[in-house]
C-alpha atoms as a PDB file:
ATOM      1  CA  MET A   1      65.703 119.996 180.417  1.00  0.00           C
ATOM      2  CA  LEU A   2      63.454 117.105 181.328  1.00  0.00           C
ATOM      3  CA  PHE A   3      62.285 115.063 178.338  1.00  0.00           C
ATOM      4  CA  HIS A   4      59.457 112.543 178.829  1.00  0.00           C
ATOM      5  CA  ALA A   5      59.805 109.852 176.151  1.00  0.00           C
ATOM      6  CA  GLY A   6      58.629 106.319 175.476  1.00  0.00           C
ATOM      7  CA  VAL A   7      61.272 103.729 176.223  1.00  0.00           C
ATOM      8  CA  GLY A   8      61.060 102.458 172.644  1.00  0.00           C
ATOM      9  CA  GLN A   9      62.618 105.690 171.356  1.00  0.00           C
ATOM     10  CA  ARG A  10      65.693 105.475 173.560  1.00  0.00           C
ATOM     11  CA  SER A  11      68.291 104.588 170.913  1.00  0.00           C
ATOM     12  CA  SER A  12      67.452 107.418 168.511  1.00  0.00           C
ATOM     13  CA  LEU A  13      66.874 110.073 171.147  1.00  0.00           C
ATOM     14  CA  ASN A  14      70.134 109.302 172.924  1.00  0.00           C
ATOM     15  CA  GLU A  15      71.965 109.882 169.645  1.00  0.00           C
ATOM     16  CA  ILE A  16      70.082 113.113 168.985  1.00  0.00           C
ATOM     17  CA  LYS A  17      70.871 114.255 172.540  1.00  0.00           C
ATOM     18  CA  VAL A  18      74.622 114.001 171.828  1.00  0.00           C
ATOM     19  CA  ILE A  19      74.318 116.235 168.756  1.00  0.00           C
ATOM     20  CA  PHE A  20      72.110 118.738 170.572  1.00  0.00           C
ATOM     21  CA  GLU A  21      74.414 119.048 173.582  1.00  0.00           C
ATOM     22  CA  GLU A  22      77.421 119.495 171.292  1.00  0.00           C
ATOM     23  CA  ARG A  23      75.603 122.401 169.628  1.00  0.00           C
ATOM     24  CA  HIS A  24      74.333 123.782 172.941  1.00  0.00           C
ATOM     25  CA  PRO A  25      76.913 122.885 175.608  1.00  0.00           C
ATOM     26  CA  GLU A  26      75.120 125.038 178.173  1.00  0.00           C
ATOM     27  CA  VAL A  27      72.105 122.696 178.054  1.00  0.00           C
ATOM     28  CA  LYS A  28      71.816 119.274 179.688  1.00  0.00           C
ATOM     29  CA  VAL A  29      69.023 116.964 178.513  1.00  0.00           C
ATOM     30  CA  ASN A  30      67.706 114.410 181.000  1.00  0.00           C
ATOM     31  CA  PHE A  31      65.321 111.735 179.768  1.00  0.00           C
ATOM     32  CA  SER A  32      62.501 110.098 181.669  1.00  0.00           C
ATOM     33  CA  TYR A  33      61.961 106.878 179.716  1.00  0.00           C
ATOM     34  CA  LYS A  34      58.859 104.847 180.547  1.00  0.00           C
ATOM     35  CA  GLY A  35      56.077 102.833 179.016  1.00  0.00           C
ATOM     36  CA  SER A  36      53.840 105.454 177.410  1.00  0.00           C
ATOM     37  CA  GLY A  37      50.824 104.625 179.574  1.00  0.00           C
ATOM     38  CA  TYR A  38      52.539 105.969 182.683  1.00  0.00           C
ATOM     39  CA  PHE A  39      53.273 109.511 181.522  1.00  0.00           C
ATOM     40  CA  ILE A  40      49.956 111.329 181.777  1.00  0.00           C
ATOM     41  CA  ALA A  41      49.532 110.451 185.447  1.00  0.00           C
ATOM     42  CA  ASP A  42      53.126 111.521 186.183  1.00  0.00           C
ATOM     43  CA  ILE A  43      52.849 114.783 184.270  1.00  0.00           C
ATOM     44  CA  SER A  44      49.434 115.599 185.727  1.00  0.00           C
ATOM     45  CA  ARG A  45      50.777 115.201 189.232  1.00  0.00           C
ATOM     46  CA  SER A  46      54.186 116.863 188.876  1.00  0.00           C
ATOM     47  CA  LYS A  47      53.558 119.536 186.210  1.00  0.00           C
ATOM     48  CA  GLU A  48      57.232 119.110 185.330  1.00  0.00           C
ATOM     49  CA  GLY A  49      58.940 118.537 182.027  1.00  0.00           C
ATOM     50  CA  ASP A  50      59.919 120.336 178.841  1.00  0.00           C
ATOM     51  CA  LEU A  51      59.288 117.906 175.984  1.00  0.00           C
ATOM     52  CA  TYR A  52      57.023 114.922 175.455  1.00  0.00           C
ATOM     53  CA  LEU A  53      57.444 112.168 172.843  1.00  0.00           C
ATOM     54  CA  PRO A  54      55.296 109.133 173.712  1.00  0.00           C
ATOM     55  CA  GLY A  55      55.143 105.901 171.732  1.00  0.00           C
ATOM     56  CA  GLU A  56      51.709 106.565 170.239  1.00  0.00           C
ATOM     57  CA  GLU A  57      49.844 109.721 169.187  1.00  0.00           C
ATOM     58  CA  PHE A  58      46.945 108.675 171.422  1.00  0.00           C
ATOM     59  CA  TYR A  59      49.019 109.509 174.513  1.00  0.00           C
ATOM     60  CA  LEU A  60      50.103 112.917 173.219  1.00  0.00           C
ATOM     61  CA  LEU A  61      46.496 113.813 172.401  1.00  0.00           C
ATOM     62  CA  GLN A  62      45.681 113.127 176.051  1.00  0.00           C
ATOM     63  CA  ALA A  63      48.197 115.826 176.956  1.00  0.00           C
ATOM     64  CA  VAL A  64      46.632 118.168 174.398  1.00  0.00           C
ATOM     65  CA  GLU A  65      43.165 117.578 175.886  1.00  0.00           C
ATOM     66  CA  ARG A  66      44.454 118.500 179.330  1.00  0.00           C
ATOM     67  CA  GLY A  67      46.090 121.693 178.079  1.00  0.00           C
ATOM     68  CA  PHE A  68      49.616 120.435 178.690  1.00  0.00           C
ATOM     69  CA  ILE A  69      50.480 120.992 174.995  1.00  0.00           C
ATOM     70  CA  THR A  70      48.749 123.762 173.037  1.00  0.00           C
ATOM     71  CA  ASP A  71      50.634 124.084 169.757  1.00  0.00           C
ATOM     72  CA  TYR A  72      50.479 120.508 168.433  1.00  0.00           C
ATOM     73  CA  ASP A  73      50.278 120.230 164.637  1.00  0.00           C
ATOM     74  CA  PRO A  74      49.570 116.615 163.552  1.00  0.00           C
ATOM     75  CA  GLN A  75      51.149 117.245 160.145  1.00  0.00           C
ATOM     76  CA  ARG A  76      54.262 119.100 161.243  1.00  0.00           C
ATOM     77  CA  ASP A  77      55.150 117.445 164.543  1.00  0.00           C
ATOM     78  CA  ILE A  78      55.624 113.783 163.549  1.00  0.00           C
ATOM     79  CA  ALA A  79      59.217 112.719 164.118  1.00  0.00           C
ATOM     80  CA  ALA A  80      58.966 109.219 162.623  1.00  0.00           C
ATOM     81  CA  TYR A  81      56.843 106.075 162.602  1.00  0.00           C
ATOM     82  CA  PHE A  82      57.029 102.811 164.435  1.00  0.00           C
ATOM     83  CA  VAL A  83      56.202  99.899 162.132  1.00  0.00           C
ATOM     84  CA  THR A  84      54.979  96.587 163.517  1.00  0.00           C
ATOM     85  CA  VAL A  85      56.769  93.311 162.756  1.00  0.00           C
ATOM     86  CA  LEU A  86      56.295  89.715 163.853  1.00  0.00           C
ATOM     87  CA  VAL A  87      59.294  88.339 165.737  1.00  0.00           C
ATOM     88  CA  THR A  88      60.290  84.847 166.860  1.00  0.00           C
ATOM     89  CA  PRO A  89      63.373  83.428 168.621  1.00  0.00           C
ATOM     90  CA  LYS A  90      66.385  82.565 166.500  1.00  0.00           C
ATOM     91  CA  GLY A  91      65.662  79.523 164.395  1.00  0.00           C
ATOM     92  CA  ASN A  92      61.897  80.037 164.711  1.00  0.00           C
ATOM     93  CA  PRO A  93      61.379  76.798 166.695  1.00  0.00           C
ATOM     94  CA  LYS A  94      57.553  76.840 166.367  1.00  0.00           C
ATOM     95  CA  ASN A  95      57.728  77.556 162.607  1.00  0.00           C
ATOM     96  CA  ILE A  96      55.734  80.790 162.817  1.00  0.00           C
ATOM     97  CA  ARG A  97      55.247  82.066 159.274  1.00  0.00           C
ATOM     98  CA  THR A  98      52.091  84.165 159.395  1.00  0.00           C
ATOM     99  CA  LEU A  99      50.006  86.039 161.919  1.00  0.00           C
ATOM    100  CA  ALA A 100      47.512  83.155 161.966  1.00  0.00           C
ATOM    101  CA  ASP A 101      50.188  80.832 163.353  1.00  0.00           C
ATOM    102  CA  CYS A 102      50.105  82.800 166.611  1.00  0.00           C
ATOM    103  CA  ALA A 103      46.690  81.259 167.310  1.00  0.00           C
ATOM    104  CA  LYS A 104      47.863  77.646 167.045  1.00  0.00           C
ATOM    105  CA  PRO A 105      47.592  75.569 170.231  1.00  0.00           C
ATOM    106  CA  GLY A 106      50.792  75.384 172.234  1.00  0.00           C
ATOM    107  CA  VAL A 107      52.344  78.586 170.879  1.00  0.00           C
ATOM    108  CA  LYS A 108      53.472  80.940 173.671  1.00  0.00           C
ATOM    109  CA  ILE A 109      52.708  84.554 172.749  1.00  0.00           C
ATOM    110  CA  GLY A 110      54.026  87.657 174.464  1.00  0.00           C
ATOM    111  CA  LEU A 111      51.536  90.520 174.772  1.00  0.00           C
ATOM    112  CA  GLY A 112      51.981  94.037 176.075  1.00  0.00           C
ATOM    113  CA  ASN A 113      49.715  95.543 178.705  1.00  0.00           C
ATOM    114  CA  PRO A 114      47.803  98.266 176.815  1.00  0.00           C
ATOM    115  CA  ARG A 115      47.497 100.341 179.979  1.00  0.00           C
ATOM    116  CA  ALA A 116      51.263 100.477 180.318  1.00  0.00           C
ATOM    117  CA  CYS A 117      52.805 100.387 176.833  1.00  0.00           C
ATOM    118  CA  ALA A 118      51.671 101.413 173.375  1.00  0.00           C
ATOM    119  CA  ILE A 119      52.574  98.095 171.734  1.00  0.00           C
ATOM    120  CA  GLY A 120      49.865  96.425 173.817  1.00  0.00           C
ATOM    121  CA  ILE A 121      47.233  98.495 172.026  1.00  0.00           C
ATOM    122  CA  TRP A 122      48.596  97.228 168.733  1.00  0.00           C
ATOM    123  CA  HIS A 123      48.613  93.611 169.773  1.00  0.00           C
ATOM    124  CA  GLU A 124      44.885  93.718 170.386  1.00  0.00           C
ATOM    125  CA  LYS A 125      44.129  95.781 167.260  1.00  0.00           C
ATOM    126  CA  THR A 126      46.176  93.532 164.988  1.00  0.00           C
ATOM    127  CA  PHE A 127      44.949  90.185 166.266  1.00  0.00           C
ATOM    128  CA  GLN A 128      41.367  91.425 166.330  1.00  0.00           C
ATOM    129  CA  LYS A 129      41.647  92.504 162.711  1.00  0.00           C
ATOM    130  CA  ALA A 130      42.942  89.031 161.864  1.00  0.00           C
ATOM    131  CA  GLY A 131      40.003  87.471 163.743  1.00  0.00           C
ATOM    132  CA  ILE A 132      42.208  85.513 166.148  1.00  0.00           C
ATOM    133  CA  TRP A 133      42.316  87.728 169.255  1.00  0.00           C
ATOM    134  CA  GLU A 134      40.587  85.309 171.612  1.00  0.00           C
ATOM    135  CA  ALA A 135      42.779  82.392 170.542  1.00  0.00           C
ATOM    136  CA  VAL A 136      45.922  84.500 170.927  1.00  0.00           C
ATOM    137  CA  ARG A 137      44.831  85.616 174.391  1.00  0.00           C
ATOM    138  CA  GLU A 138      44.574  81.958 175.339  1.00  0.00           C
ATOM    139  CA  ASN A 139      48.170  81.528 174.147  1.00  0.00           C
ATOM    140  CA  ALA A 140      49.481  84.593 176.010  1.00  0.00           C
ATOM    141  CA  SER A 141      52.183  83.732 178.528  1.00  0.00           C
ATOM    142  CA  MET A 142      53.128  87.273 179.592  1.00  0.00           C
ATOM    143  CA  SER A 143      51.689  90.772 179.875  1.00  0.00           C
ATOM    144  CA  ALA A 144      54.632  93.145 179.524  1.00  0.00           C
ATOM    145  CA  LYS A 145      54.736  96.627 181.036  1.00  0.00           C
ATOM    146  CA  CYS A 146      57.211  97.882 178.418  1.00  0.00           C
ATOM    147  CA  ILE A 147      58.389  96.698 175.037  1.00  0.00           C
ATOM    148  CA  PRO A 148      61.960  95.731 176.057  1.00  0.00           C
ATOM    149  CA  GLU A 149      60.404  93.024 178.246  1.00  0.00           C
ATOM    150  CA  LEU A 150      58.978  91.459 175.091  1.00  0.00           C
ATOM    151  CA  GLY A 151      62.233  91.795 173.179  1.00  0.00           C
ATOM    152  CA  ASN A 152      64.159  90.140 176.001  1.00  0.00           C
ATOM    153  CA  ALA A 153      61.586  87.343 176.247  1.00  0.00           C
ATOM    154  CA  VAL A 154      62.017  86.522 172.557  1.00  0.00           C
ATOM    155  CA  GLN A 155      65.780  86.745 172.842  1.00  0.00           C
ATOM    156  CA  HIS A 156      65.847  84.231 175.703  1.00  0.00           C
ATOM    157  CA  LYS A 157      63.211  81.961 174.108  1.00  0.00           C
ATOM    158  CA  LEU A 158      60.699  82.509 176.887  1.00  0.00           C
ATOM    159  CA  ILE A 159      58.002  83.087 174.265  1.00  0.00           C
ATOM    160  CA  ASP A 160      57.549  81.758 170.734  1.00  0.00           C
ATOM    161  CA  ALA A 161      56.410  84.977 169.055  1.00  0.00           C
ATOM    162  CA  THR A 162      55.317  88.541 169.582  1.00  0.00           C
ATOM    163  CA  ILE A 163      54.754  91.737 167.640  1.00  0.00           C
ATOM    164  CA  LEU A 164      57.402  94.424 168.168  1.00  0.00           C
ATOM    165  CA  TRP A 165      58.134  97.821 166.743  1.00  0.00           C
ATOM    166  CA  SER A 166      60.706  97.602 163.958  1.00  0.00           C
ATOM    167  CA  SER A 167      62.980  99.875 166.011  1.00  0.00           C
ATOM    168  CA  THR A 168      62.895  97.409 168.916  1.00  0.00           C
ATOM    169  CA  ALA A 169      63.327  94.332 166.747  1.00  0.00           C
ATOM    170  CA  VAL A 170      66.492  95.787 165.210  1.00  0.00           C
ATOM    171  CA  LEU A 171      68.192  95.699 168.621  1.00  0.00           C
ATOM    172  CA  TYR A 172      67.993  91.879 168.692  1.00  0.00           C
ATOM    173  CA  LEU A 173      69.207  90.990 165.192  1.00  0.00           C
ATOM    174  CA  ARG A 174      71.459  88.085 166.163  1.00  0.00           C
ATOM    175  CA  ASP A 175      68.913  86.418 168.441  1.00  0.00           C
ATOM    176  CA  VAL A 176      65.592  86.677 166.582  1.00  0.00           C
ATOM    177  CA  GLU A 177      63.905  86.037 163.278  1.00  0.00           C
ATOM    178  CA  ILE A 178      62.012  88.972 161.776  1.00  0.00           C
ATOM    179  CA  ILE A 179      58.863  88.179 159.823  1.00  0.00           C
ATOM    180  CA  PRO A 180      57.274  91.157 158.035  1.00  0.00           C
ATOM    181  CA  LEU A 181      53.534  91.315 158.484  1.00  0.00           C
ATOM    182  CA  LYS A 182      51.326  91.445 155.422  1.00  0.00           C
ATOM    183  CA  ALA A 183      50.515  95.039 154.556  1.00  0.00           C
ATOM    184  CA  ALA A 184      46.882  94.721 155.685  1.00  0.00           C
ATOM    185  CA  TYR A 185      48.088  93.934 159.220  1.00  0.00           C
ATOM    186  CA  ARG A 186      51.124  96.220 159.280  1.00  0.00           C
ATOM    187  CA  GLY A 187      50.723  99.145 161.631  1.00  0.00           C
ATOM    188  CA  ALA A 188      52.494 102.459 161.086  1.00  0.00           C
ATOM    189  CA  VAL A 189      52.418 104.392 164.334  1.00  0.00           C
ATOM    190  CA  ARG A 190      52.949 108.135 164.364  1.00  0.00           C
ATOM    191  CA  LEU A 191      55.489 109.439 166.873  1.00  0.00           C
ATOM    192  CA  PRO A 192      54.596 113.027 167.757  1.00  0.00           C
ATOM    193  CA  VAL A 193      56.684 115.442 169.812  1.00  0.00           C
ATOM    194  CA  GLY A 194      55.496 118.508 171.691  1.00  0.00           C
ATOM    195  CA  VAL A 195      56.770 121.201 174.039  1.00  0.00           C
ATOM    196  CA  LEU A 196      54.972 121.121 177.382  1.00  0.00           C
ATOM    197  CA  GLU A 197      53.164 124.280 178.516  1.00  0.00           C
ATOM    198  CA  PHE A 198      54.908 124.333 181.893  1.00  0.00           C
ATOM    199  CA  SER A 199      58.396 123.946 180.398  1.00  0.00           C
ATOM    200  CA  ARG A 200      61.056 125.764 182.405  1.00  0.00           C
ATOM    201  CA  PHE A 201      63.180 126.137 179.263  1.00  0.00           C
ATOM    202  CA  PRO A 202      60.734 126.612 176.368  1.00  0.00           C
ATOM    203  CA  GLN A 203      63.230 128.165 173.939  1.00  0.00           C
ATOM    204  CA  GLU A 204      65.744 125.370 174.396  1.00  0.00           C
ATOM    205  CA  ALA A 205      62.963 122.792 174.241  1.00  0.00           C
ATOM    206  CA  GLN A 206      61.817 124.228 170.913  1.00  0.00           C
ATOM    207  CA  LEU A 207      65.381 124.022 169.570  1.00  0.00           C
ATOM    208  CA  LEU A 208      65.551 120.336 170.485  1.00  0.00           C
ATOM    209  CA  LYS A 209      62.134 119.719 168.970  1.00  0.00           C
ATOM    210  CA  ASP A 210      63.314 121.410 165.760  1.00  0.00           C
ATOM    211  CA  LEU A 211      66.361 119.125 165.632  1.00  0.00           C
ATOM    212  CA  ILE A 212      64.190 116.031 166.111  1.00  0.00           C
ATOM    213  CA  LEU A 213      61.931 117.115 163.244  1.00  0.00           C
ATOM    214  CA  SER A 214      64.791 118.142 160.936  1.00  0.00           C
ATOM    215  CA  ALA A 215      66.166 116.040 158.088  1.00  0.00           C
ATOM    216  CA  ALA A 216      69.198 115.204 160.239  1.00  0.00           C
ATOM    217  CA  GLY A 217      66.992 114.075 163.096  1.00  0.00           C
ATOM    218  CA  LYS A 218      64.846 111.925 160.855  1.00  0.00           C
ATOM    219  CA  GLU A 219      67.921 110.292 159.324  1.00  0.00           C
ATOM    220  CA  ILE A 220      68.915 109.202 162.817  1.00  0.00           C
ATOM    221  CA  PHE A 221      65.484 107.687 163.368  1.00  0.00           C
ATOM    222  CA  GLU A 222      65.717 105.867 160.039  1.00  0.00           C
ATOM    223  CA  SER A 223      69.115 104.413 160.966  1.00  0.00           C
ATOM    224  CA  HIS A 224      67.413 102.819 163.988  1.00  0.00           C
ATOM    225  CA  ALA A 225      64.700 101.146 161.877  1.00  0.00           C
ATOM    226  CA  TYR A 226      61.967 103.745 162.131  1.00  0.00           C
ATOM    227  CA  ALA A 227      60.026 104.708 159.030  1.00  0.00           C
ATOM    228  CA  ILE A 228      60.094 108.330 157.926  1.00  0.00           C
ATOM    229  CA  GLY A 229      58.231 110.291 155.292  1.00  0.00           C
ATOM    230  CA  ASP A 230      54.529 110.277 154.571  1.00  0.00           C
ATOM    231  CA  ILE A 231      52.940 106.896 155.290  1.00  0.00           C
ATOM    232  CA  PRO A 232      49.236 106.636 154.418  1.00  0.00           C
ATOM    233  CA  THR A 233      47.172 104.774 157.007  1.00  0.00           C
ATOM    234  CA  ASP A 234      43.526 104.045 157.719  1.00  0.00           C
ATOM    235  CA  GLU A 235      41.647 105.235 160.806  1.00  0.00           C
ATOM    236  CA  GLN A 236      43.139 102.411 162.865  1.00  0.00           C
ATOM    237  CA  GLY A 237      46.699 103.103 161.715  1.00  0.00           C
ATOM    238  CA  PHE A 238      47.240 100.193 159.317  1.00  0.00           C
ATOM    239  CA  VAL A 239      49.068 101.051 156.099  1.00  0.00           C
ATOM    240  CA  THR A 240      46.829 101.591 153.092  1.00  0.00           C
ATOM    241  CA  ASP A 241      49.275 101.657 150.174  1.00  0.00           C
ATOM    242  CA  GLY A 242      49.805  97.906 149.986  1.00  0.00           C
ATOM    243  CA  GLY A 243      52.960  98.251 152.015  1.00  0.00           C
ATOM    244  CA  ALA A 244      54.843 100.342 149.448  1.00  0.00           C
ATOM    245  CA  SER A 245      55.890 102.992 151.959  1.00  0.00           C
ATOM    246  CA  THR A 246      57.308 100.464 154.431  1.00  0.00           C
ATOM    247  CA  ASP A 247      58.379  97.507 152.241  1.00  0.00           C
ATOM    248  CA  ALA A 248      61.951  98.795 151.995  1.00  0.00           C
ATOM    249  CA  LEU A 249      62.254  98.965 155.785  1.00  0.00           C
ATOM    250  CA  MET A 250      60.978  95.396 156.065  1.00  0.00           C
ATOM    251  CA  GLU A 251      63.565  94.196 153.537  1.00  0.00           C
ATOM    252  CA  TRP A 252      66.361  96.039 155.336  1.00  0.00           C
ATOM    253  CA  LEU A 253      65.394  94.377 158.616  1.00  0.00           C
ATOM    254  CA  VAL A 254      65.310  90.871 157.164  1.00  0.00           C
ATOM    255  CA  HIS A 255      68.664  91.351 155.414  1.00  0.00           C
ATOM    256  CA  ALA A 256      70.166  92.941 158.534  1.00  0.00           C
ATOM    257  CA  ALA A 257      69.183  90.004 160.758  1.00  0.00           C
ATOM    258  CA  ARG A 258      70.696  87.573 158.276  1.00  0.00           C
ATOM    259  CA  ALA A 259      73.877  89.645 157.951  1.00  0.00           C
ATOM    260  CA  VAL A 260      74.510  89.760 161.700  1.00  0.00           C
ATOM    261  CA  LYS A 261      73.948  86.024 162.124  1.00  0.00           C
ATOM    262  CA  GLU A 262      76.283  85.259 159.211  1.00  0.00           C
ATOM    263  CA  GLY A 263      78.886  87.793 160.299  1.00  0.00           C
ATOM    264  CA  ASP A 264      78.694  89.655 157.001  1.00  0.00           C
ATOM    265  CA  LEU A 265      79.550  93.221 158.029  1.00  0.00           C
ATOM    266  CA  ASP A 266      79.678  94.394 154.404  1.00  0.00           C
ATOM    267  CA  ALA A 267      76.200  93.120 153.646  1.00  0.00           C
ATOM    268  CA  GLU A 268      74.180  94.650 150.867  1.00  0.00           C
ATOM    269  CA  GLY A 269      70.496  95.332 151.125  1.00  0.00           C
ATOM    270  CA  VAL A 270      70.514  96.626 154.701  1.00  0.00           C
ATOM    271  CA  GLY A 271      70.137 100.284 153.709  1.00  0.00           C
ATOM    272  CA  PRO A 272      70.470 102.753 156.603  1.00  0.00           C
ATOM    273  CA  LEU A 273      70.681  99.873 159.104  1.00  0.00           C
ATOM    274  CA  LEU A 274      74.333  99.212 158.220  1.00  0.00           C
ATOM    275  CA  LYS A 275      75.594 100.964 161.348  1.00  0.00           C
ATOM    276  CA  GLU A 276      73.488  98.667 163.531  1.00  0.00           C
ATOM    277  CA  VAL A 277      74.620  95.612 161.564  1.00  0.00           C
ATOM    278  CA  VAL A 278      78.261  96.550 162.109  1.00  0.00           C
ATOM    279  CA  ARG A 279      77.705  97.238 165.824  1.00  0.00           C
ATOM    280  CA  GLN A 280      75.965  93.941 166.499  1.00  0.00           C
ATOM    281  CA  GLY A 281      78.280  92.041 164.190  1.00  0.00           C
ATOM    282  CA  LYS A 282      81.290  93.210 166.177  1.00  0.00           C
ATOM    283  CA  THR A 283      79.546  92.239 169.404  1.00  0.00           C
ATOM    284  CA  ARG A 284      78.861  88.796 167.932  1.00  0.00           C
ATOM    285  CA  ARG A 285      82.501  88.258 167.027  1.00  0.00           C
ATOM    286  CA  SER A 286      83.706  89.367 170.459  1.00  0.00           C
ATOM    287  CA  GLY A 287      81.276  86.956 172.120  1.00  0.00           C
ATOM    288  CA  THR A 288      79.725  89.603 174.359  1.00  0.00           C
END
């Protein structure tokens, strides 16, 4: 099977793939990971693929409009949520504490290209809501084509701050500081999955979709710092419950970053992120 998926979902989907192939050894799942903005053109041209899980519902709805997916249910088919967080290099050298600090002169901000990756859409939406978009654009020092570019730039101190998905930020725990956004500026981004109409293996694709949407699948997403459950949002996708549905995830991330830096592999307060804390903590001790 060919599975088109946003690069930001790689860690969870690779883990789900292992479980699926153990259950169905006759099936091999191959992923095409890209920035979400590239998929519609590729799919339109090739008419190939079995499943589609982009990094923003907007991109899946484009596939629905073109007839590439015909059974999408926006209530049933949400695997998990990205949640936006503010991230700085380790030590926070420019003392970024709030979203407004990203507009200060001399602060280098990393932005995503909205035509290439879903996080770029959220950069503009978030900074516009805060009334600082033009100032932040003046501070922009890169326009990334995919979210790992932004994560790597923070890690290597090429930029002073950016907004990442929580599931991307968790991959850099020892090298970044994670600053939860205030609830009014915290995006919760639905991650939908659909079977493509021209799938060569529709029955197998449906089985994999079912696993992704199952309790076991969602637990895997949660262990990689995605939010699961019902998260109320406004029309733009910002949380509307004062942060209650995502506050726990924010606390887990902050505690997890501290635990990895301090080498505390038995840390409390990291919730389902413990596996990632242990993995990165061991890497830290080995020096790799």
